[in-house]
């Protein structure tokens, strides 16, 4: 009976998967990939082809079983996905400043994609060819070298006093970027994710920019999106905040959390509601929220805005310029507020449209 590769995992995870298979009375064997390639990219878990259907069910249980998540103690972290571009370095600048203010650590992560091997999503039916092995080796080596270069750059900036001296770590993940970021958020539960994006008029296909839009939809962790040409390098620099509200009670809870991050001294908050359908109730509700803020946040100034223009993004640009907005704050309402305010396509465009940093709180 011919054997096939069910999955490629680390040694530890491969052995755990093998125990799962044994409990289901499925025979399996482990084979070091490095034996053939000369470098370590994982361990193959091989099974008889006849057991594939049952094994897939075991793999599914293995992936969701909480007993096999890392036992590493969670720490207070700020997660920064990087692709080694100038705009992901921009995210590092803000993240390290936030870490200093919040007493947190920073975790820099990079996800590299190997076409032939994506954990738990590809089943190999043929022998690895030499050219494929060389391709994998180049991808892995490049990712390691790029992360080392970034680490050396940050260390140098720390010595020069250009970066605050905070504890940080690095991690490389194999897989699709947005999937690996979501997995890492679920595993480590960072305080916040800080991501760089391409600025206005740049290509939507750029890696981190497009990934940021996906993370806004999928992650439950607060996200800060920093355009490469944004002027904001520290949350202490924020003077004018545009807080987009849909009049929900959770907006008030989200605002409290947002204010804990950026502080309430010497800032002005513009409460903005996008009015799809004109009604007097919107003005009444805005007035009520304004009164709530004056009572509970007496140190900050507030101003209410109703946006009625059909061309939302153009009208938003005008508000940002007129009010000199430093930060746009949004409560995602279980990741649905953006869709309710605009629609999925416009919400995605907003990430690439604005020069202004965004803080998205997921309630």
Protein backbone atom coordinates (compact mmCIF):
# COMPACT_ATOMS: atom_id res chain seq x y z
CA UNK A 1 0.00 0.00 0.00
CA UNK A 2 1.48 3.37 -1.02
CA UNK A 3 2.03 6.05 1.59
CA UNK A 4 1.32 9.76 1.28
CA UNK A 5 2.31 12.81 3.31
CA UNK A 6 -0.58 13.95 5.50
CA UNK A 7 1.15 17.03 6.92
CA UNK A 8 4.48 18.71 7.55
CA UNK A 9 4.91 20.02 11.10
CA UNK A 10 7.56 20.73 13.69
CA UNK A 11 8.93 17.65 15.47
CA UNK A 12 6.85 18.36 18.58
CA UNK A 13 3.61 18.91 16.69
CA UNK A 14 4.24 15.94 14.36
CA UNK A 15 4.63 13.62 17.36
CA UNK A 16 1.42 14.94 18.87
CA UNK A 17 -0.44 14.42 15.60
CA UNK A 18 0.96 10.90 15.43
CA UNK A 19 -0.53 10.18 18.87
CA UNK A 20 -3.89 11.51 17.68
CA UNK A 21 -3.72 9.17 14.70
CA UNK A 22 -2.77 6.21 16.88
CA UNK A 23 -5.81 6.81 19.09
CA UNK A 24 -7.92 6.55 15.94
CA UNK A 25 -6.09 3.30 15.05
CA UNK A 26 -4.34 4.86 12.06
CA UNK A 27 -0.72 3.85 11.52
CA UNK A 28 1.70 6.65 10.67
CA UNK A 29 5.40 7.30 10.35
CA UNK A 30 7.57 10.39 10.79
CA UNK A 31 10.29 11.47 8.39
CA UNK A 32 12.66 14.41 8.77
CA UNK A 33 12.44 16.63 5.68
CA UNK A 34 16.00 17.74 6.36
CA UNK A 35 17.22 14.23 5.55
CA UNK A 36 16.54 14.95 1.88
CA UNK A 37 17.11 18.71 1.71
CA UNK A 38 19.99 19.42 4.04
CA UNK A 39 18.12 21.99 6.14
CA UNK A 40 15.24 21.85 8.57
CA UNK A 41 11.77 22.80 7.41
CA UNK A 42 9.79 20.25 9.42
CA UNK A 43 8.79 16.64 9.87
CA UNK A 44 6.50 14.74 7.52
CA UNK A 45 3.64 12.69 8.93
CA UNK A 46 2.99 9.87 6.46
CA UNK A 47 0.05 7.48 6.36
CA UNK A 48 -1.32 4.76 4.10
CA UNK A 49 -3.35 6.24 1.27
CA UNK A 50 -6.37 4.12 2.23
CA UNK A 51 -6.57 5.93 5.61
CA UNK A 52 -6.67 9.44 4.14
CA UNK A 53 -10.40 10.11 4.66
CA UNK A 54 -10.32 9.09 8.34
CA UNK A 55 -7.03 10.89 8.86
CA UNK A 56 -8.47 14.17 7.63
CA UNK A 57 -11.08 14.04 10.39
CA UNK A 58 -8.31 13.42 12.93
CA UNK A 59 -6.35 16.40 11.58
CA UNK A 60 -9.40 18.61 12.03
CA UNK A 61 -9.77 17.57 15.68
CA UNK A 62 -6.05 18.02 16.19
CA UNK A 63 -6.14 21.59 14.93
CA UNK A 64 -8.97 22.69 17.22
CA UNK A 65 -7.93 20.77 20.32
CA UNK A 66 -6.93 23.34 22.94
CA UNK A 67 -4.71 20.89 24.81
CA UNK A 68 -2.16 21.13 22.02
CA UNK A 69 -1.74 24.86 21.98
CA UNK A 70 1.55 26.24 23.20
CA UNK A 71 1.99 26.18 26.96
CA UNK A 72 4.16 29.29 26.79
CA UNK A 73 3.00 31.85 29.32
CA UNK A 74 1.20 34.77 27.74
CA UNK A 75 2.84 38.16 28.12
CA UNK A 76 1.65 41.70 27.54
CA UNK A 77 2.63 42.18 23.91
CA UNK A 78 2.13 44.47 20.96
CA UNK A 79 2.13 42.42 17.76
CA UNK A 80 3.74 43.99 14.68
CA UNK A 81 3.49 42.02 11.40
CA UNK A 82 6.30 43.10 9.06
CA UNK A 83 7.22 42.53 5.43
CA UNK A 84 10.51 44.47 5.73
CA UNK A 85 9.19 47.42 3.73
CA UNK A 86 9.50 51.08 4.72
CA UNK A 87 5.88 51.19 5.82
CA UNK A 88 6.20 48.17 8.11
CA UNK A 89 9.22 49.92 9.67
CA UNK A 90 6.91 52.91 10.19
CA UNK A 91 4.65 50.60 12.21
CA UNK A 92 7.66 49.56 14.31
CA UNK A 93 8.32 53.19 15.24
CA UNK A 94 4.83 53.63 16.67
CA UNK A 95 4.70 50.16 18.23
CA UNK A 96 7.93 50.63 20.19
CA UNK A 97 6.73 54.02 21.44
CA UNK A 98 3.42 52.46 22.51
CA UNK A 99 5.27 49.62 24.24
CA UNK A 100 7.26 52.15 26.27
CA UNK A 101 4.10 54.03 27.32
CA UNK A 102 2.12 50.86 28.10
CA UNK A 103 4.91 48.83 29.69
CA UNK A 104 4.52 46.12 27.04
CA UNK A 105 6.81 43.99 24.94
CA UNK A 106 6.89 43.98 21.15
CA UNK A 107 6.62 40.87 19.00
CA UNK A 108 7.77 41.28 15.40
CA UNK A 109 6.39 38.57 13.14
CA UNK A 110 6.91 37.77 9.48
CA UNK A 111 5.01 35.18 7.51
CA UNK A 112 6.65 33.60 4.48
CA UNK A 113 4.76 31.44 2.00
CA UNK A 114 6.24 28.25 0.59
CA UNK A 115 4.15 27.24 -2.45
CA UNK A 116 4.73 23.52 -2.03
CA UNK A 117 4.17 23.38 1.72
CA UNK A 118 1.40 25.18 3.56
CA UNK A 119 0.80 23.52 6.95
CA UNK A 120 -2.28 21.35 7.09
CA UNK A 121 -3.54 22.50 3.71
CA UNK A 122 -1.50 20.51 1.21
CA UNK A 123 -1.11 16.76 0.71
CA UNK A 124 1.96 15.61 -1.12
CA UNK A 125 1.62 12.74 -3.60
CA UNK A 126 5.06 12.77 -5.24
CA UNK A 127 8.74 12.96 -4.40
CA UNK A 128 10.17 16.44 -3.85
CA UNK A 129 12.19 17.55 -6.84
CA UNK A 130 15.61 19.11 -6.39
CA UNK A 131 14.60 22.49 -7.85
CA UNK A 132 11.65 22.70 -5.45
CA UNK A 133 13.97 22.01 -2.54
CA UNK A 134 16.27 24.83 -3.63
CA UNK A 135 13.31 27.20 -3.94
CA UNK A 136 12.19 26.39 -0.40
CA UNK A 137 15.70 26.85 0.91
CA UNK A 138 15.98 30.29 -0.70
CA UNK A 139 12.62 31.43 0.71
CA UNK A 140 13.43 30.31 4.24
CA UNK A 141 16.97 31.69 4.15
CA UNK A 142 15.75 35.04 2.81
CA UNK A 143 13.12 35.34 5.55
CA UNK A 144 15.70 34.62 8.25
CA UNK A 145 18.19 37.08 6.77
CA UNK A 146 15.59 39.85 6.42
CA UNK A 147 14.45 39.42 10.02
CA UNK A 148 18.05 39.51 11.23
CA UNK A 149 18.66 42.73 9.27
CA UNK A 150 15.56 44.31 10.82
CA UNK A 151 16.68 43.23 14.28
CA UNK A 152 20.13 44.72 13.72
CA UNK A 153 18.55 47.98 12.53
CA UNK A 154 16.30 48.22 15.60
CA UNK A 155 19.18 47.39 17.95
CA UNK A 156 21.25 50.14 16.37
CA UNK A 157 18.42 52.66 16.68
CA UNK A 158 18.06 51.71 20.35
CA UNK A 159 21.75 52.34 20.95
CA UNK A 160 21.44 55.72 19.21
CA UNK A 161 18.39 56.63 21.31
CA UNK A 162 16.06 56.75 18.28
CA UNK A 163 14.01 53.80 19.56
CA UNK A 164 12.98 53.35 23.20
CA UNK A 165 14.77 50.52 24.96
CA UNK A 166 11.93 48.00 25.27
CA UNK A 167 11.98 44.20 25.26
CA UNK A 168 11.11 42.68 21.90
CA UNK A 169 11.17 39.30 20.21
CA UNK A 170 10.91 38.03 16.63
CA UNK A 171 9.09 35.10 15.11
CA UNK A 172 8.89 33.60 11.60
CA UNK A 173 5.76 31.74 10.50
CA UNK A 174 5.15 29.68 7.39
CA UNK A 175 1.80 30.25 5.72
CA UNK A 176 -0.58 32.83 4.33
CA UNK A 177 0.06 36.11 6.14
CA UNK A 178 -3.48 36.94 7.26
CA UNK A 179 -4.09 33.37 8.46
CA UNK A 180 -0.87 33.29 10.47
CA UNK A 181 -1.56 36.69 12.06
CA UNK A 182 -5.03 35.59 13.17
CA UNK A 183 -3.61 32.33 14.56
CA UNK A 184 -0.94 34.22 16.48
CA UNK A 185 -3.55 36.60 17.90
CA UNK A 186 -5.63 33.65 19.12
CA UNK A 187 -2.58 31.92 20.57
CA UNK A 188 -0.81 34.82 22.31
CA UNK A 189 -3.66 37.31 22.79
CA UNK A 190 -1.60 40.49 22.26
CA UNK A 191 -2.86 43.79 23.61
CA UNK A 192 -2.95 45.37 20.16
CA UNK A 193 -1.81 44.79 16.57
CA UNK A 194 0.11 47.58 14.84
CA UNK A 195 0.34 47.31 11.05
CA UNK A 196 1.72 49.48 8.30
CA UNK A 197 -0.26 50.21 5.13
CA UNK A 198 0.44 51.76 1.81
CA UNK A 199 -0.60 55.39 1.56
CA UNK A 200 -3.22 56.97 -0.64
CA UNK A 201 -2.97 56.27 -4.39
CA UNK A 202 -0.82 53.17 -3.86
CA UNK A 203 -1.54 49.68 -5.12
CA UNK A 204 -4.13 47.71 -3.18
CA UNK A 205 -2.24 44.50 -3.90
CA UNK A 206 0.72 45.47 -1.69
CA UNK A 207 1.25 42.76 0.89
CA UNK A 208 0.86 44.36 4.31
CA UNK A 209 -1.71 46.89 3.14
CA UNK A 210 -4.11 44.27 1.85
CA UNK A 211 -3.41 41.98 4.80
CA UNK A 212 -4.34 44.82 7.19
CA UNK A 213 -7.80 45.00 5.64
CA UNK A 214 -8.24 41.25 6.20
CA UNK A 215 -7.14 41.47 9.83
CA UNK A 216 -9.68 44.23 10.51
CA UNK A 217 -12.41 41.84 9.42
CA UNK A 218 -11.16 38.73 11.19
CA UNK A 219 -9.24 39.55 14.36
CA UNK A 220 -10.83 40.49 17.68
CA UNK A 221 -7.72 42.35 18.79
CA UNK A 222 -7.61 46.17 18.50
CA UNK A 223 -5.71 47.18 15.37
CA UNK A 224 -3.74 50.32 14.59
CA UNK A 225 -3.26 50.89 10.84
CA UNK A 226 -0.40 53.29 10.00
CA UNK A 227 -0.10 54.64 6.43
CA UNK A 228 3.50 54.95 5.30
CA UNK A 229 3.16 58.72 4.88
CA UNK A 230 1.34 59.33 8.18
CA UNK A 231 2.95 61.91 10.43
CA UNK A 232 2.02 60.12 13.65
CA UNK A 233 4.98 58.53 15.45
CA UNK A 234 3.54 58.48 18.98
CA UNK A 235 0.05 58.36 20.45
CA UNK A 236 1.13 61.19 22.76
CA UNK A 237 1.22 63.41 19.65
CA UNK A 238 -2.52 62.98 19.03
CA UNK A 239 -4.46 66.24 19.35
CA UNK A 240 -7.57 65.72 17.22
CA UNK A 241 -9.47 62.41 17.12
CA UNK A 242 -12.27 61.56 14.72
CA UNK A 243 -14.48 59.01 16.49
CA UNK A 244 -16.99 57.38 14.16
CA UNK A 245 -20.16 56.37 15.96
CA UNK A 246 -23.26 54.38 15.09
CA UNK A 247 -25.00 55.41 18.34
CA UNK A 248 -24.57 51.99 19.95
CA UNK A 249 -23.85 51.54 23.66
CA UNK A 250 -20.74 49.59 22.75
CA UNK A 251 -19.37 52.75 21.14
CA UNK A 252 -19.13 54.22 24.63
CA UNK A 253 -17.28 51.16 25.92
CA UNK A 254 -14.95 51.25 22.92
CA UNK A 255 -14.26 54.94 23.43
CA UNK A 256 -13.26 54.28 27.03
CA UNK A 257 -10.71 51.71 25.87
CA UNK A 258 -9.44 54.00 23.15
CA UNK A 259 -8.95 56.84 25.63
CA UNK A 260 -7.00 54.49 27.89
CA UNK A 261 -4.56 54.02 25.01
CA UNK A 262 -4.12 57.62 23.89
CA UNK A 263 -4.99 59.56 27.04
CA UNK A 264 -7.55 62.34 27.49
CA UNK A 265 -5.38 65.40 28.11
CA UNK A 266 -5.34 68.23 25.57
CA UNK A 267 -7.25 66.42 22.84
CA UNK A 268 -10.40 67.22 20.94
CA UNK A 269 -12.80 64.50 19.82
CA UNK A 270 -15.02 64.91 16.79
CA UNK A 271 -18.02 62.60 17.03
CA UNK A 272 -18.96 61.70 13.47
CA UNK A 273 -21.96 59.78 12.22
CA UNK A 274 -22.42 58.87 8.57
CA UNK A 275 -26.07 59.55 7.79
CA UNK A 276 -27.37 57.30 5.04
CA UNK A 277 -30.97 58.34 5.61
CA UNK A 278 -31.77 61.81 6.92
CA UNK A 279 -33.68 61.86 10.20
CA UNK A 280 -33.92 64.29 13.11
CA UNK A 281 -33.18 61.41 15.50
CA UNK A 282 -29.54 61.35 14.37
CA UNK A 283 -29.00 64.90 15.61
CA UNK A 284 -30.81 64.09 18.86
CA UNK A 285 -28.62 61.01 19.39
CA UNK A 286 -25.43 62.93 18.64
CA UNK A 287 -26.43 65.59 21.15
CA UNK A 288 -27.04 62.87 23.74
CA UNK A 289 -23.63 61.31 23.17
CA UNK A 290 -22.02 64.73 23.35
CA UNK A 291 -23.69 65.37 26.71
CA UNK A 292 -22.46 61.97 27.94
CA UNK A 293 -18.89 62.84 26.96
CA UNK A 294 -19.00 66.25 28.62
CA UNK A 295 -20.10 64.60 31.86
CA UNK A 296 -17.72 61.63 31.83
CA UNK A 297 -14.72 63.19 30.07
CA UNK A 298 -14.67 66.81 31.26
CA UNK A 299 -11.01 67.26 30.29
CA UNK A 300 -11.63 66.76 26.57
CA UNK A 301 -13.47 68.92 24.06
CA UNK A 302 -16.07 67.40 21.75
CA UNK A 303 -17.81 68.44 18.56
CA UNK A 304 -20.60 66.58 16.73
CA UNK A 305 -20.56 66.04 12.98
CA UNK A 306 -23.15 64.53 10.62
CA UNK A 307 -21.79 63.37 7.28
CA UNK A 308 -24.47 63.23 4.58
CA UNK A 309 -22.51 63.32 1.33
CA UNK A 310 -23.04 60.30 -0.94
CA UNK A 311 -19.34 60.29 -1.79
CA UNK A 312 -18.28 59.28 1.69
CA UNK A 313 -14.52 59.04 1.15
CA UNK A 314 -14.28 62.47 -0.49
CA UNK A 315 -16.38 64.03 2.26
CA UNK A 316 -14.27 62.29 4.89
CA UNK A 317 -11.11 63.72 3.34
CA UNK A 318 -12.56 67.20 3.70
CA UNK A 319 -13.35 66.64 7.39
CA UNK A 320 -9.88 65.23 8.07
CA UNK A 321 -8.20 68.20 6.40
CA UNK A 322 -10.47 70.85 7.90
CA UNK A 323 -10.28 69.50 11.44
CA UNK A 324 -6.61 68.45 11.18
CA UNK A 325 -7.40 64.92 12.33
CA UNK A 326 -4.46 62.93 13.72
CA UNK A 327 -6.29 59.67 14.36
CA UNK A 328 -9.50 58.03 13.14
CA UNK A 329 -11.04 55.78 15.81
CA UNK A 330 -13.70 53.18 14.98
CA UNK A 331 -15.56 50.56 16.97
CA UNK A 332 -16.01 47.61 14.65
CA UNK A 333 -19.18 46.26 16.33
CA UNK A 334 -18.05 42.67 16.12
CA UNK A 335 -16.32 43.48 12.86
CA UNK A 336 -19.55 44.71 11.27
CA UNK A 337 -19.48 48.47 11.81
CA UNK A 338 -17.38 49.15 8.74
CA UNK A 339 -19.81 47.13 6.66
CA UNK A 340 -22.76 48.94 8.19
CA UNK A 341 -21.29 52.39 7.66
CA UNK A 342 -20.13 51.77 4.12
CA UNK A 343 -20.00 48.35 2.49
CA UNK A 344 -17.25 45.73 2.40
CA UNK A 345 -15.59 47.11 -0.73
CA UNK A 346 -15.55 50.73 0.49
CA UNK A 347 -14.33 49.65 3.93
CA UNK A 348 -11.37 47.95 2.33
CA UNK A 349 -10.63 51.00 0.18
CA UNK A 350 -10.59 53.21 3.27
CA UNK A 351 -7.43 51.47 4.49
CA UNK A 352 -5.62 52.55 1.33
CA UNK A 353 -7.41 55.85 0.85
CA UNK A 354 -6.45 57.92 3.87
CA UNK A 355 -3.14 59.41 4.94
CA UNK A 356 -4.44 59.31 8.52
CA UNK A 357 -3.73 56.57 11.05
CA UNK A 358 -6.67 54.46 12.20
CA UNK A 359 -7.41 52.75 15.50
CA UNK A 360 -10.01 50.01 15.19
CA UNK A 361 -11.39 48.61 18.43
CA UNK A 362 -13.22 45.27 18.14
CA UNK A 363 -15.98 45.08 20.72
